[in-house]
PDB file of N, CA and C in Angstrom:
ATOM      1  N   MET A   1       8.024   0.577  20.548  1.00  0.00           N
ATOM      2  CA  MET A   1       8.870  -0.265  19.743  1.00  0.00           C
ATOM      3  C   MET A   1       8.082  -1.518  19.346  1.00  0.00           C
ATOM      4  N   LEU A   2       8.339  -2.006  18.160  1.00  0.00           N
ATOM      5  CA  LEU A   2       7.681  -3.204  17.645  1.00  0.00           C
ATOM      6  C   LEU A   2       8.756  -4.238  17.335  1.00  0.00           C
ATOM      7  N   ARG A   3       8.505  -5.492  17.782  1.00  0.00           N
ATOM      8  CA  ARG A   3       9.464  -6.562  17.529  1.00  0.00           C
ATOM      9  C   ARG A   3       8.754  -7.718  16.847  1.00  0.00           C
ATOM     10  N   LEU A   4       9.283  -8.155  15.719  1.00  0.00           N
ATOM     11  CA  LEU A   4       8.771  -9.312  14.990  1.00  0.00           C
ATOM     12  C   LEU A   4       9.800 -10.425  15.116  1.00  0.00           C
ATOM     13  N   ALA A   5       9.337 -11.649  15.349  1.00  0.00           N
ATOM     14  CA  ALA A   5      10.254 -12.778  15.475  1.00  0.00           C
ATOM     15  C   ALA A   5       9.591 -14.025  14.925  1.00  0.00           C
ATOM     16  N   SER A   6      10.411 -14.938  14.454  1.00  0.00           N
ATOM     17  CA  SER A   6       9.909 -16.245  14.021  1.00  0.00           C
ATOM     18  C   SER A   6      10.950 -17.295  14.379  1.00  0.00           C
ATOM     19  N   GLU A   7      10.481 -18.503  14.566  1.00  0.00           N
ATOM     20  CA  GLU A   7      11.380 -19.607  14.868  1.00  0.00           C
ATOM     21  C   GLU A   7      10.708 -20.919  14.483  1.00  0.00           C
ATOM     22  N   ILE A   8      11.536 -21.917  14.307  1.00  0.00           N
ATOM     23  CA  ILE A   8      11.037 -23.274  14.095  1.00  0.00           C
ATOM     24  C   ILE A   8      11.465 -24.078  15.311  1.00  0.00           C
ATOM     25  N   ARG A   9      10.492 -24.617  16.029  1.00  0.00           N
ATOM     26  CA  ARG A   9      10.794 -25.377  17.243  1.00  0.00           C
ATOM     27  C   ARG A   9      11.227 -26.798  16.892  1.00  0.00           C
ATOM     28  N   ASP A  10      11.747 -27.509  17.891  1.00  0.00           N
ATOM     29  CA  ASP A  10      12.246 -28.872  17.693  1.00  0.00           C
ATOM     30  C   ASP A  10      11.195 -29.812  17.105  1.00  0.00           C
ATOM     31  N   ASN A  11       9.934 -29.574  17.429  1.00  0.00           N
ATOM     32  CA  ASN A  11       8.864 -30.433  16.925  1.00  0.00           C
ATOM     33  C   ASN A  11       8.394 -30.014  15.527  1.00  0.00           C
ATOM     34  N   GLY A  12       9.087 -29.055  14.913  1.00  0.00           N
ATOM     35  CA  GLY A  12       8.761 -28.618  13.561  1.00  0.00           C
ATOM     36  C   GLY A  12       7.716 -27.524  13.481  1.00  0.00           C
ATOM     37  N   VAL A  13       7.160 -27.109  14.608  1.00  0.00           N
ATOM     38  CA  VAL A  13       6.139 -26.062  14.628  1.00  0.00           C
ATOM     39  C   VAL A  13       6.794 -24.706  14.359  1.00  0.00           C
ATOM     40  N   VAL A  14       6.176 -23.936  13.477  1.00  0.00           N
ATOM     41  CA  VAL A  14       6.634 -22.586  13.168  1.00  0.00           C
ATOM     42  C   VAL A  14       5.906 -21.614  14.093  1.00  0.00           C
ATOM     43  N   VAL A  15       6.666 -20.722  14.734  1.00  0.00           N
ATOM     44  CA  VAL A  15       6.097 -19.743  15.660  1.00  0.00           C
ATOM     45  C   VAL A  15       6.433 -18.352  15.154  1.00  0.00           C
ATOM     46  N   VAL A  16       5.414 -17.500  15.052  1.00  0.00           N
ATOM     47  CA  VAL A  16       5.599 -16.102  14.656  1.00  0.00           C
ATOM     48  C   VAL A  16       5.034 -15.240  15.778  1.00  0.00           C
ATOM     49  N   SER A  17       5.811 -14.250  16.218  1.00  0.00           N
ATOM     50  CA  SER A  17       5.327 -13.369  17.282  1.00  0.00           C
ATOM     51  C   SER A  17       5.523 -11.911  16.888  1.00  0.00           C
ATOM     52  N   VAL A  18       4.592 -11.097  17.355  1.00  0.00           N
ATOM     53  CA  VAL A  18       4.634  -9.652  17.171  1.00  0.00           C
ATOM     54  C   VAL A  18       4.431  -9.044  18.548  1.00  0.00           C
ATOM     55  N   ALA A  19       5.433  -8.289  19.017  1.00  0.00           N
ATOM     56  CA  ALA A  19       5.367  -7.695  20.348  1.00  0.00           C
ATOM     57  C   ALA A  19       5.562  -6.194  20.253  1.00  0.00           C
ATOM     58  N   ASP A  20       4.891  -5.478  21.143  1.00  0.00           N
ATOM     59  CA  ASP A  20       5.099  -4.036  21.225  1.00  0.00           C
ATOM     60  C   ASP A  20       5.360  -3.640  22.671  1.00  0.00           C
ATOM     61  N   THR A  21       5.708  -2.400  22.878  1.00  0.00           N
ATOM     62  CA  THR A  21       5.960  -1.888  24.222  1.00  0.00           C
ATOM     63  C   THR A  21       4.983  -0.766  24.561  1.00  0.00           C
ATOM     64  N   GLY A  22       3.775  -0.880  24.042  1.00  0.00           N
ATOM     65  CA  GLY A  22       2.749   0.135  24.288  1.00  0.00           C
ATOM     66  C   GLY A  22       2.097  -0.022  25.643  1.00  0.00           C
ATOM     67  N   THR A  23       0.878   0.461  25.757  1.00  0.00           N
ATOM     68  CA  THR A  23       0.157   0.447  27.030  1.00  0.00           C
ATOM     69  C   THR A  23      -0.376  -0.924  27.400  1.00  0.00           C
ATOM     70  N   GLY A  24      -0.405  -1.840  26.463  1.00  0.00           N
ATOM     71  CA  GLY A  24      -0.886  -3.191  26.748  1.00  0.00           C
ATOM     72  C   GLY A  24      -2.396  -3.308  26.622  1.00  0.00           C
ATOM     73  N   ILE A  25      -2.870  -4.515  26.857  1.00  0.00           N
ATOM     74  CA  ILE A  25      -4.297  -4.817  26.786  1.00  0.00           C
ATOM     75  C   ILE A  25      -4.743  -5.227  28.177  1.00  0.00           C
ATOM     76  N   GLY A  26      -5.827  -4.638  28.653  1.00  0.00           N
ATOM     77  CA  GLY A  26      -6.330  -4.939  29.992  1.00  0.00           C
ATOM     78  C   GLY A  26      -6.814  -6.374  30.110  1.00  0.00           C
ATOM     79  N   PRO A  27      -6.776  -6.931  31.321  1.00  0.00           N
ATOM     80  CA  PRO A  27      -7.195  -8.322  31.522  1.00  0.00           C
ATOM     81  C   PRO A  27      -8.630  -8.584  31.074  1.00  0.00           C
ATOM     82  N   GLN A  28      -9.499  -7.590  31.195  1.00  0.00           N
ATOM     83  CA  GLN A  28     -10.888  -7.764  30.779  1.00  0.00           C
ATOM     84  C   GLN A  28     -10.992  -7.899  29.260  1.00  0.00           C
ATOM     85  N   ASP A  29     -10.060  -7.300  28.527  1.00  0.00           N
ATOM     86  CA  ASP A  29     -10.077  -7.376  27.069  1.00  0.00           C
ATOM     87  C   ASP A  29      -9.357  -8.626  26.552  1.00  0.00           C
ATOM     88  N   ILE A  30      -8.355  -9.106  27.286  1.00  0.00           N
ATOM     89  CA  ILE A  30      -7.640 -10.324  26.883  1.00  0.00           C
ATOM     90  C   ILE A  30      -8.619 -11.483  26.750  1.00  0.00           C
ATOM     91  N   GLU A  31      -9.586 -11.569  27.652  1.00  0.00           N
ATOM     92  CA  GLU A  31     -10.539 -12.674  27.662  1.00  0.00           C
ATOM     93  C   GLU A  31     -11.434 -12.696  26.416  1.00  0.00           C
ATOM     94  N   ARG A  32     -11.656 -11.531  25.810  1.00  0.00           N
ATOM     95  CA  ARG A  32     -12.626 -11.472  24.701  1.00  0.00           C
ATOM     96  C   ARG A  32     -12.041 -10.960  23.393  1.00  0.00           C
ATOM     97  N   ILE A  33     -10.747 -10.772  23.336  1.00  0.00           N
ATOM     98  CA  ILE A  33     -10.129 -10.102  22.195  1.00  0.00           C
ATOM     99  C   ILE A  33     -10.343 -10.827  20.862  1.00  0.00           C
ATOM    100  N   PHE A  34     -10.479 -12.135  20.891  1.00  0.00           N
ATOM    101  CA  PHE A  34     -10.673 -12.901  19.658  1.00  0.00           C
ATOM    102  C   PHE A  34     -12.148 -13.186  19.354  1.00  0.00           C
ATOM    103  N   HIS A  35     -13.056 -12.721  20.200  1.00  0.00           N
ATOM    104  CA  HIS A  35     -14.484 -12.953  19.962  1.00  0.00           C
ATOM    105  C   HIS A  35     -14.988 -12.032  18.846  1.00  0.00           C
ATOM    106  N   PRO A  36     -15.810 -12.560  17.946  1.00  0.00           N
ATOM    107  CA  PRO A  36     -16.374 -11.711  16.885  1.00  0.00           C
ATOM    108  C   PRO A  36     -17.162 -10.540  17.480  1.00  0.00           C
ATOM    109  N   LEU A  37     -17.033  -9.397  16.856  1.00  0.00           N
ATOM    110  CA  LEU A  37     -17.724  -8.156  17.212  1.00  0.00           C
ATOM    111  C   LEU A  37     -17.223  -7.540  18.515  1.00  0.00           C
ATOM    112  N   SER A  38     -16.125  -8.027  19.054  1.00  0.00           N
ATOM    113  CA  SER A  38     -15.537  -7.456  20.261  1.00  0.00           C
ATOM    114  C   SER A  38     -14.493  -6.420  19.853  1.00  0.00           C
ATOM    115  N   THR A  39     -14.648  -5.196  20.310  1.00  0.00           N
ATOM    116  CA  THR A  39     -13.719  -4.138  19.946  1.00  0.00           C
ATOM    117  C   THR A  39     -13.516  -3.179  21.118  1.00  0.00           C
ATOM    118  N   THR A  40     -12.368  -2.554  21.139  1.00  0.00           N
ATOM    119  CA  THR A  40     -12.099  -1.507  22.126  1.00  0.00           C
ATOM    120  C   THR A  40     -12.052  -0.144  21.451  1.00  0.00           C
ATOM    121  N   LYS A  41     -12.290  -0.127  20.135  1.00  0.00           N
ATOM    122  CA  LYS A  41     -12.238   1.118  19.371  1.00  0.00           C
ATOM    123  C   LYS A  41     -13.649   1.642  19.115  1.00  0.00           C
ATOM    124  N   ALA A  42     -13.785   2.956  19.143  1.00  0.00           N
ATOM    125  CA  ALA A  42     -15.092   3.573  18.922  1.00  0.00           C
ATOM    126  C   ALA A  42     -15.638   3.259  17.534  1.00  0.00           C
ATOM    127  N   ASP A  43     -14.759   3.141  16.536  1.00  0.00           N
ATOM    128  CA  ASP A  43     -15.223   2.884  15.175  1.00  0.00           C
ATOM    129  C   ASP A  43     -14.804   1.494  14.675  1.00  0.00           C
ATOM    130  N   GLY A  44     -14.419   0.610  15.591  1.00  0.00           N
ATOM    131  CA  GLY A  44     -13.978  -0.731  15.192  1.00  0.00           C
ATOM    132  C   GLY A  44     -15.141  -1.675  14.958  1.00  0.00           C
ATOM    133  N   MET A  45     -14.922  -2.648  14.093  1.00  0.00           N
ATOM    134  CA  MET A  45     -15.948  -3.657  13.812  1.00  0.00           C
ATOM    135  C   MET A  45     -15.765  -4.906  14.685  1.00  0.00           C
ATOM    136  N   GLY A  46     -14.564  -5.124  15.191  1.00  0.00           N
ATOM    137  CA  GLY A  46     -14.331  -6.278  16.038  1.00  0.00           C
ATOM    138  C   GLY A  46     -14.243  -7.583  15.277  1.00  0.00           C
ATOM    139  N   MET A  47     -13.806  -7.533  14.035  1.00  0.00           N
ATOM    140  CA  MET A  47     -13.742  -8.753  13.227  1.00  0.00           C
ATOM    141  C   MET A  47     -12.314  -9.184  12.903  1.00  0.00           C
ATOM    142  N   GLY A  48     -11.367  -8.270  12.927  1.00  0.00           N
ATOM    143  CA  GLY A  48     -10.014  -8.548  12.465  1.00  0.00           C
ATOM    144  C   GLY A  48      -9.340  -9.716  13.162  1.00  0.00           C
ATOM    145  N   LEU A  49      -9.246  -9.683  14.487  1.00  0.00           N
ATOM    146  CA  LEU A  49      -8.562 -10.751  15.208  1.00  0.00           C
ATOM    147  C   LEU A  49      -9.349 -12.053  15.182  1.00  0.00           C
ATOM    148  N   SER A  50     -10.653 -11.958  15.140  1.00  0.00           N
ATOM    149  CA  SER A  50     -11.478 -13.163  15.026  1.00  0.00           C
ATOM    150  C   SER A  50     -11.210 -13.864  13.696  1.00  0.00           C
ATOM    151  N   ILE A  51     -11.126 -13.100  12.629  1.00  0.00           N
ATOM    152  CA  ILE A  51     -10.835 -13.660  11.304  1.00  0.00           C
ATOM    153  C   ILE A  51      -9.426 -14.236  11.271  1.00  0.00           C
ATOM    154  N   CYS A  52      -8.460 -13.518  11.827  1.00  0.00           N
ATOM    155  CA  CYS A  52      -7.078 -14.018  11.866  1.00  0.00           C
ATOM    156  C   CYS A  52      -7.006 -15.347  12.588  1.00  0.00           C
ATOM    157  N   ARG A  53      -7.639 -15.436  13.732  1.00  0.00           N
ATOM    158  CA  ARG A  53      -7.602 -16.688  14.505  1.00  0.00           C
ATOM    159  C   ARG A  53      -8.265 -17.825  13.728  1.00  0.00           C
ATOM    160  N   SER A  54      -9.372 -17.550  13.054  1.00  0.00           N
ATOM    161  CA  SER A  54     -10.045 -18.585  12.260  1.00  0.00           C
ATOM    162  C   SER A  54      -9.146 -19.111  11.155  1.00  0.00           C
ATOM    163  N   ILE A  55      -8.419 -18.225  10.497  1.00  0.00           N
ATOM    164  CA  ILE A  55      -7.515 -18.630   9.420  1.00  0.00           C
ATOM    165  C   ILE A  55      -6.384 -19.493   9.973  1.00  0.00           C
ATOM    166  N   VAL A  56      -5.772 -19.049  11.060  1.00  0.00           N
ATOM    167  CA  VAL A  56      -4.668 -19.810  11.668  1.00  0.00           C
ATOM    168  C   VAL A  56      -5.156 -21.182  12.120  1.00  0.00           C
ATOM    169  N   GLU A  57      -6.291 -21.236  12.811  1.00  0.00           N
ATOM    170  CA  GLU A  57      -6.818 -22.511  13.278  1.00  0.00           C
ATOM    171  C   GLU A  57      -7.238 -23.407  12.119  1.00  0.00           C
ATOM    172  N   GLY A  58      -7.712 -22.812  11.044  1.00  0.00           N
ATOM    173  CA  GLY A  58      -8.088 -23.575   9.861  1.00  0.00           C
ATOM    174  C   GLY A  58      -6.905 -24.271   9.204  1.00  0.00           C
ATOM    175  N   HIS A  59      -5.704 -23.790   9.501  1.00  0.00           N
ATOM    176  CA  HIS A  59      -4.486 -24.405   8.977  1.00  0.00           C
ATOM    177  C   HIS A  59      -3.764 -25.237  10.040  1.00  0.00           C
ATOM    178  N   GLY A  60      -4.466 -25.553  11.126  1.00  0.00           N
ATOM    179  CA  GLY A  60      -3.908 -26.418  12.156  1.00  0.00           C
ATOM    180  C   GLY A  60      -3.057 -25.720  13.191  1.00  0.00           C
ATOM    181  N   GLY A  61      -3.150 -24.398  13.268  1.00  0.00           N
ATOM    182  CA  GLY A  61      -2.342 -23.645  14.216  1.00  0.00           C
ATOM    183  C   GLY A  61      -3.147 -23.094  15.366  1.00  0.00           C
ATOM    184  N   GLN A  62      -2.489 -22.265  16.151  1.00  0.00           N
ATOM    185  CA  GLN A  62      -3.117 -21.603  17.289  1.00  0.00           C
ATOM    186  C   GLN A  62      -2.660 -20.153  17.324  1.00  0.00           C
ATOM    187  N   MET A  63      -3.502 -19.297  17.886  1.00  0.00           N
ATOM    188  CA  MET A  63      -3.170 -17.881  18.019  1.00  0.00           C
ATOM    189  C   MET A  63      -3.449 -17.463  19.449  1.00  0.00           C
ATOM    190  N   SER A  64      -2.533 -16.677  20.028  1.00  0.00           N
ATOM    191  CA  SER A  64      -2.714 -16.263  21.412  1.00  0.00           C
ATOM    192  C   SER A  64      -2.216 -14.830  21.608  1.00  0.00           C
ATOM    193  N   VAL A  65      -2.582 -14.275  22.741  1.00  0.00           N
ATOM    194  CA  VAL A  65      -2.167 -12.923  23.116  1.00  0.00           C
ATOM    195  C   VAL A  65      -1.835 -12.928  24.598  1.00  0.00           C
ATOM    196  N   GLY A  66      -0.870 -12.102  24.972  1.00  0.00           N
ATOM    197  CA  GLY A  66      -0.504 -12.005  26.374  1.00  0.00           C
ATOM    198  C   GLY A  66       0.285 -10.742  26.631  1.00  0.00           C
ATOM    199  N   ALA A  67       0.683 -10.580  27.882  1.00  0.00           N
ATOM    200  CA  ALA A  67       1.456  -9.409  28.284  1.00  0.00           C
ATOM    201  C   ALA A  67       2.895  -9.564  27.810  1.00  0.00           C
ATOM    202  N   ASN A  68       3.474  -8.473  27.343  1.00  0.00           N
ATOM    203  CA  ASN A  68       4.886  -8.409  26.976  1.00  0.00           C
ATOM    204  C   ASN A  68       5.588  -7.684  28.117  1.00  0.00           C
ATOM    205  N   LYS A  69       6.167  -8.426  29.015  1.00  0.00           N
ATOM    206  CA  LYS A  69       6.775  -7.846  30.220  1.00  0.00           C
ATOM    207  C   LYS A  69       8.004  -7.012  29.866  1.00  0.00           C
ATOM    208  N   PRO A  70       8.223  -5.863  30.429  1.00  0.00           N
ATOM    209  CA  PRO A  70       7.458  -5.259  31.517  1.00  0.00           C
ATOM    210  C   PRO A  70       6.267  -4.424  31.042  1.00  0.00           C
ATOM    211  N   GLU A  71       6.159  -4.163  29.710  1.00  0.00           N
ATOM    212  CA  GLU A  71       5.008  -3.399  29.222  1.00  0.00           C
ATOM    213  C   GLU A  71       4.706  -3.796  27.790  1.00  0.00           C
ATOM    214  N   GLY A  72       3.451  -3.637  27.403  1.00  0.00           N
ATOM    215  CA  GLY A  72       3.069  -3.935  26.030  1.00  0.00           C
ATOM    216  C   GLY A  72       2.303  -5.240  25.904  1.00  0.00           C
ATOM    217  N   THR A  73       2.202  -5.686  24.670  1.00  0.00           N
ATOM    218  CA  THR A  73       1.425  -6.878  24.326  1.00  0.00           C
ATOM    219  C   THR A  73       2.218  -7.716  23.338  1.00  0.00           C
ATOM    220  N   ILE A  74       2.007  -9.025  23.393  1.00  0.00           N
ATOM    221  CA  ILE A  74       2.626  -9.913  22.420  1.00  0.00           C
ATOM    222  C   ILE A  74       1.553 -10.837  21.834  1.00  0.00           C
ATOM    223  N   PHE A  75       1.471 -10.841  20.518  1.00  0.00           N
ATOM    224  CA  PHE A  75       0.607 -11.771  19.790  1.00  0.00           C
ATOM    225  C   PHE A  75       1.502 -12.845  19.210  1.00  0.00           C
ATOM    226  N   GLU A  76       1.030 -14.077  19.251  1.00  0.00           N
ATOM    227  CA  GLU A  76       1.822 -15.186  18.737  1.00  0.00           C
ATOM    228  C   GLU A  76       0.903 -16.153  18.007  1.00  0.00           C
ATOM    229  N   PHE A  77       1.385 -16.664  16.868  1.00  0.00           N
ATOM    230  CA  PHE A  77       0.641 -17.757  16.254  1.00  0.00           C
ATOM    231  C   PHE A  77       1.600 -18.847  15.851  1.00  0.00           C
ATOM    232  N   THR A  78       1.070 -20.059  15.866  1.00  0.00           N
ATOM    233  CA  THR A  78       1.854 -21.223  15.486  1.00  0.00           C
ATOM    234  C   THR A  78       1.189 -21.909  14.307  1.00  0.00           C
ATOM    235  N   LEU A  79       2.004 -22.551  13.500  1.00  0.00           N
ATOM    236  CA  LEU A  79       1.518 -23.347  12.373  1.00  0.00           C
ATOM    237  C   LEU A  79       2.358 -24.618  12.302  1.00  0.00           C
ATOM    238  N   PRO A  80       1.747 -25.704  11.859  1.00  0.00           N
ATOM    239  CA  PRO A  80       2.530 -26.934  11.685  1.00  0.00           C
ATOM    240  C   PRO A  80       3.623 -26.718  10.660  1.00  0.00           C
ATOM    241  N   GLY A  81       4.792 -27.272  10.899  1.00  0.00           N
ATOM    242  CA  GLY A  81       5.923 -27.108   9.989  1.00  0.00           C
ATOM    243  C   GLY A  81       5.735 -27.788   8.658  1.00  0.00           C
ATOM    244  N   ASP A  82       4.840 -28.770   8.590  1.00  0.00           N
ATOM    245  CA  ASP A  82       4.615 -29.494   7.350  1.00  0.00           C
ATOM    246  C   ASP A  82       3.413 -28.971   6.565  1.00  0.00           C
ATOM    247  N   LEU A  83       2.983 -27.765   6.861  1.00  0.00           N
ATOM    248  CA  LEU A  83       1.836 -27.144   6.206  1.00  0.00           C
ATOM    249  C   LEU A  83       2.138 -26.847   4.745  1.00  0.00           C
ATOM    250  N   THR A  84       1.226 -27.229   3.881  1.00  0.00           N
ATOM    251  CA  THR A  84       1.344 -26.852   2.464  1.00  0.00           C
ATOM    252  C   THR A  84       0.138 -26.008   2.112  1.00  0.00           C
ATOM    253  N   LEU A  85       0.376 -24.909   1.447  1.00  0.00           N
ATOM    254  CA  LEU A  85      -0.716 -24.002   1.083  1.00  0.00           C
ATOM    255  C   LEU A  85      -1.091 -24.172  -0.362  1.00  0.00           C
TER     256      LEU A  85
END
């Protein structure tokens, strides 16, 4: 199952999360998942999440990953509420 959510916190920060109930990401991969050229796929380039994080941080936000209890993974990014594109 895949769950998408968004909210605006009291401080005006916009939070977007994407969670699944799959097998999850191992602790050894959590540490390096956003590093360029880091991949767990045989044919992966390891650039996608690194590029995503750079874009989010370039707009004053943050991107993170963690366990979605009791199973799966949750990715979350935040952006300032006063962001203009």
